[in-house]
Every structure is written in C-alpha cells, then in structure tokens.
Amino acid sequence: MSLWIDGLSWICLVAGGFFCVVGAVGLLRMPDFYTRMHAASLIETLGAGLILFGLLLQAGFTLVAVKLLMVGLLIFFVSPTATHALARAGMVRGLKPLLADKEDTPSKP
C-alpha cells in the first residue's frame, strides 16, 4: 500500500510543479494585468494545492499533516479573495482589460 501512496504523492508533486512552471511562464508572457493575474491564480490554486496534497500524502497521520492541511485551507479561502481584491483595485484605478480588436473577431452572419 505504501508504494501506491508514494506513487500518487509523486504524481501530485510533479503535476503541481508543472502547473507552477506553466503559471510562471504565463506571468511572463501574458500581455496585461488581468491575464497575468489569472496565471498567478493558477499557480496558487492548482499548483500549490497539488503540491500540498502530495506532501500531505507523504506526511501520513502526523502533526505535519495537520499543519499542511491548515496551510491548504488558508490558501483555499484567501486566494480567491485576494485575486478579487486585486482585480477590483485595478478596475477602480481605471486599468482597462486588453480586449480583442474588431478585425480579430469573426463577424456574425
């Protein structure tokens, strides 16, 4: 059974690392504030969540697992609130999202 838990843990850790790398590349490549904020939220929710879950599987039933669970709950509740506050602050300051040009969108029949 330990081999299954180790395998699932490593799958979660590798997948979480992959999403963190993809989100970091997205932070560098995206054109405006709102799309960069989306990439950052991907890192926080999917990447950190999978990494914490993989570490939780490795920890077993210990005090470390309880601490990891508390960190995961903190991220789960605080991350959407912080992302919303950032987006609202950007809108209040007059930061407009980058929208597609008229030529780029297909015309309706």
C-alpha atoms as a PDB file:
ATOM      1  CA  MET A   1       0.000   0.000   0.000  1.00  0.00           C
ATOM      2  CA  SER A   2       2.913   2.328   0.709  1.00  0.00           C
ATOM      3  CA  LEU A   3       4.057   2.041  -2.900  1.00  0.00           C
ATOM      4  CA  TRP A   4       0.637   3.281  -4.100  1.00  0.00           C
ATOM      5  CA  ILE A   5       0.693   6.233  -1.716  1.00  0.00           C
ATOM      6  CA  ASP A   6       4.243   7.131  -2.762  1.00  0.00           C
ATOM      7  CA  GLY A   7       3.306   6.912  -6.443  1.00  0.00           C
ATOM      8  CA  LEU A   8       0.195   9.058  -6.025  1.00  0.00           C
ATOM      9  CA  SER A   9       2.195  11.521  -3.953  1.00  0.00           C
ATOM     10  CA  TRP A  10       4.860  11.871  -6.623  1.00  0.00           C
ATOM     11  CA  ILE A  11       2.234  12.273  -9.348  1.00  0.00           C
ATOM     12  CA  CYS A  12       0.660  15.125  -7.360  1.00  0.00           C
ATOM     13  CA  LEU A  13       4.045  16.726  -6.687  1.00  0.00           C
ATOM     14  CA  VAL A  14       5.106  16.567 -10.348  1.00  0.00           C
ATOM     15  CA  ALA A  15       1.716  17.828 -11.583  1.00  0.00           C
ATOM     16  CA  GLY A  16       1.807  20.671  -9.047  1.00  0.00           C
ATOM     17  CA  GLY A  17       5.313  21.593 -10.139  1.00  0.00           C
ATOM     18  CA  PHE A  18       4.179  21.541 -13.772  1.00  0.00           C
ATOM     19  CA  PHE A  19       1.312  23.918 -13.067  1.00  0.00           C
ATOM     20  CA  CYS A  20       3.652  26.230 -11.142  1.00  0.00           C
ATOM     21  CA  VAL A  21       6.048  26.362 -14.094  1.00  0.00           C
ATOM     22  CA  VAL A  22       3.196  26.959 -16.571  1.00  0.00           C
ATOM     23  CA  GLY A  23       1.825  29.730 -14.342  1.00  0.00           C
ATOM     24  CA  ALA A  24       5.252  31.339 -14.021  1.00  0.00           C
ATOM     25  CA  VAL A  25       5.669  31.322 -17.803  1.00  0.00           C
ATOM     26  CA  GLY A  26       2.179  32.793 -18.055  1.00  0.00           C
ATOM     27  CA  LEU A  27       3.175  35.604 -15.709  1.00  0.00           C
ATOM     28  CA  LEU A  28       5.996  36.498 -18.066  1.00  0.00           C
ATOM     29  CA  ARG A  29       4.155  36.022 -21.370  1.00  0.00           C
ATOM     30  CA  MET A  30       0.674  37.433 -20.784  1.00  0.00           C
ATOM     31  CA  PRO A  31       0.012  40.897 -22.212  1.00  0.00           C
ATOM     32  CA  ASP A  32      -1.924  42.706 -19.481  1.00  0.00           C
ATOM     33  CA  PHE A  33      -2.628  42.865 -15.760  1.00  0.00           C
ATOM     34  CA  TYR A  34      -5.793  40.768 -15.743  1.00  0.00           C
ATOM     35  CA  THR A  35      -4.395  37.857 -17.725  1.00  0.00           C
ATOM     36  CA  ARG A  36      -1.264  37.884 -15.545  1.00  0.00           C
ATOM     37  CA  MET A  37      -3.497  37.799 -12.501  1.00  0.00           C
ATOM     38  CA  HIS A  38      -5.229  34.731 -13.961  1.00  0.00           C
ATOM     39  CA  ALA A  39      -1.858  32.998 -14.380  1.00  0.00           C
ATOM     40  CA  ALA A  40      -0.953  33.843 -10.778  1.00  0.00           C
ATOM     41  CA  SER A  41      -4.235  32.395  -9.523  1.00  0.00           C
ATOM     42  CA  LEU A  42      -3.455  29.201 -11.455  1.00  0.00           C
ATOM     43  CA  ILE A  43      -0.195  28.903  -9.540  1.00  0.00           C
ATOM     44  CA  GLU A  44      -1.894  29.469  -6.200  1.00  0.00           C
ATOM     45  CA  THR A  45      -4.837  27.147  -6.586  1.00  0.00           C
ATOM     46  CA  LEU A  46      -3.784  24.254  -8.787  1.00  0.00           C
ATOM     47  CA  GLY A  47      -0.020  24.227  -8.342  1.00  0.00           C
ATOM     48  CA  ALA A  48       0.148  24.849  -4.619  1.00  0.00           C
ATOM     49  CA  GLY A  49      -2.895  22.655  -3.969  1.00  0.00           C
ATOM     50  CA  LEU A  50      -1.418  19.645  -5.734  1.00  0.00           C
ATOM     51  CA  ILE A  51       1.959  20.129  -4.072  1.00  0.00           C
ATOM     52  CA  LEU A  52       0.335  20.392  -0.648  1.00  0.00           C
ATOM     53  CA  PHE A  53      -1.756  17.287  -1.338  1.00  0.00           C
ATOM     54  CA  GLY A  54       1.346  15.347  -2.393  1.00  0.00           C
ATOM     55  CA  LEU A  55       3.164  16.448   0.762  1.00  0.00           C
ATOM     56  CA  LEU A  56       0.102  15.554   2.825  1.00  0.00           C
ATOM     57  CA  LEU A  57       0.214  12.012   1.448  1.00  0.00           C
ATOM     58  CA  GLN A  58       3.906  11.767   2.317  1.00  0.00           C
ATOM     59  CA  ALA A  59       3.346  13.062   5.863  1.00  0.00           C
ATOM     60  CA  GLY A  60       0.759  10.462   6.839  1.00  0.00           C
ATOM     61  CA  PHE A  61      -1.268  10.966  10.035  1.00  0.00           C
ATOM     62  CA  THR A  62       1.067  13.331  11.890  1.00  0.00           C
ATOM     63  CA  LEU A  63       1.151  16.879  13.195  1.00  0.00           C
ATOM     64  CA  VAL A  64       2.873  17.879   9.945  1.00  0.00           C
ATOM     65  CA  ALA A  65      -0.209  16.728   8.026  1.00  0.00           C
ATOM     66  CA  VAL A  66      -2.431  18.929  10.193  1.00  0.00           C
ATOM     67  CA  LYS A  67      -0.173  21.910   9.520  1.00  0.00           C
ATOM     68  CA  LEU A  68      -0.214  21.217   5.774  1.00  0.00           C
ATOM     69  CA  LEU A  69      -3.998  20.974   5.874  1.00  0.00           C
ATOM     70  CA  MET A  70      -4.209  24.332   7.658  1.00  0.00           C
ATOM     71  CA  VAL A  71      -1.962  25.944   5.025  1.00  0.00           C
ATOM     72  CA  GLY A  72      -4.130  24.423   2.289  1.00  0.00           C
ATOM     73  CA  LEU A  73      -7.311  25.765   3.871  1.00  0.00           C
ATOM     74  CA  LEU A  74      -5.729  29.195   4.221  1.00  0.00           C
ATOM     75  CA  ILE A  75      -4.798  29.230   0.525  1.00  0.00           C
ATOM     76  CA  PHE A  76      -8.249  27.906  -0.431  1.00  0.00           C
ATOM     77  CA  PHE A  77     -10.059  30.754   1.337  1.00  0.00           C
ATOM     78  CA  VAL A  78      -7.627  33.665   0.964  1.00  0.00           C
ATOM     79  CA  SER A  79      -6.525  33.232  -2.670  1.00  0.00           C
ATOM     80  CA  PRO A  80      -9.897  33.966  -4.356  1.00  0.00           C
ATOM     81  CA  THR A  81     -10.469  36.925  -2.031  1.00  0.00           C
ATOM     82  CA  ALA A  82      -7.052  38.408  -2.777  1.00  0.00           C
ATOM     83  CA  THR A  83      -7.487  37.875  -6.523  1.00  0.00           C
ATOM     84  CA  HIS A  84     -10.873  39.587  -6.442  1.00  0.00           C
ATOM     85  CA  ALA A  85      -9.456  42.498  -4.424  1.00  0.00           C
ATOM     86  CA  LEU A  86      -6.613  42.913  -6.936  1.00  0.00           C
ATOM     87  CA  ALA A  87      -8.988  42.889  -9.896  1.00  0.00           C
ATOM     88  CA  ARG A  88     -11.320  45.368  -8.203  1.00  0.00           C
ATOM     89  CA  ALA A  89      -8.418  47.676  -7.336  1.00  0.00           C
ATOM     90  CA  GLY A  90      -7.296  47.581 -10.962  1.00  0.00           C
ATOM     91  CA  MET A  91     -10.770  48.449 -12.200  1.00  0.00           C
ATOM     92  CA  VAL A  92     -11.175  51.271  -9.659  1.00  0.00           C
ATOM     93  CA  ARG A  93      -7.827  52.747 -10.725  1.00  0.00           C
ATOM     94  CA  GLY A  94      -9.042  52.751 -14.325  1.00  0.00           C
ATOM     95  CA  LEU A  95      -6.934  49.879 -15.619  1.00  0.00           C
ATOM     96  CA  LYS A  96      -8.810  48.569 -18.637  1.00  0.00           C
ATOM     97  CA  PRO A  97      -8.505  44.962 -19.811  1.00  0.00           C
ATOM     98  CA  LEU A  98      -6.843  44.331 -23.143  1.00  0.00           C
ATOM     99  CA  LEU A  99      -9.651  43.346 -25.496  1.00  0.00           C
ATOM    100  CA  ALA A 100      -9.537  41.863 -28.977  1.00  0.00           C
ATOM    101  CA  ASP A 101      -9.560  44.250 -31.937  1.00  0.00           C
ATOM    102  CA  LYS A 102     -12.612  44.491 -34.153  1.00  0.00           C
ATOM    103  CA  GLU A 103     -10.688  42.901 -37.055  1.00  0.00           C
ATOM    104  CA  ASP A 104      -9.725  39.880 -34.954  1.00  0.00           C
ATOM    105  CA  THR A 105     -13.245  38.863 -34.010  1.00  0.00           C
ATOM    106  CA  PRO A 106     -15.320  36.953 -36.552  1.00  0.00           C
ATOM    107  CA  SER A 107     -18.366  38.768 -37.861  1.00  0.00           C
ATOM    108  CA  LYS A 108     -21.812  37.454 -37.093  1.00  0.00           C
ATOM    109  CA  PRO A 109     -23.835  36.181 -40.056  1.00  0.00           C
END
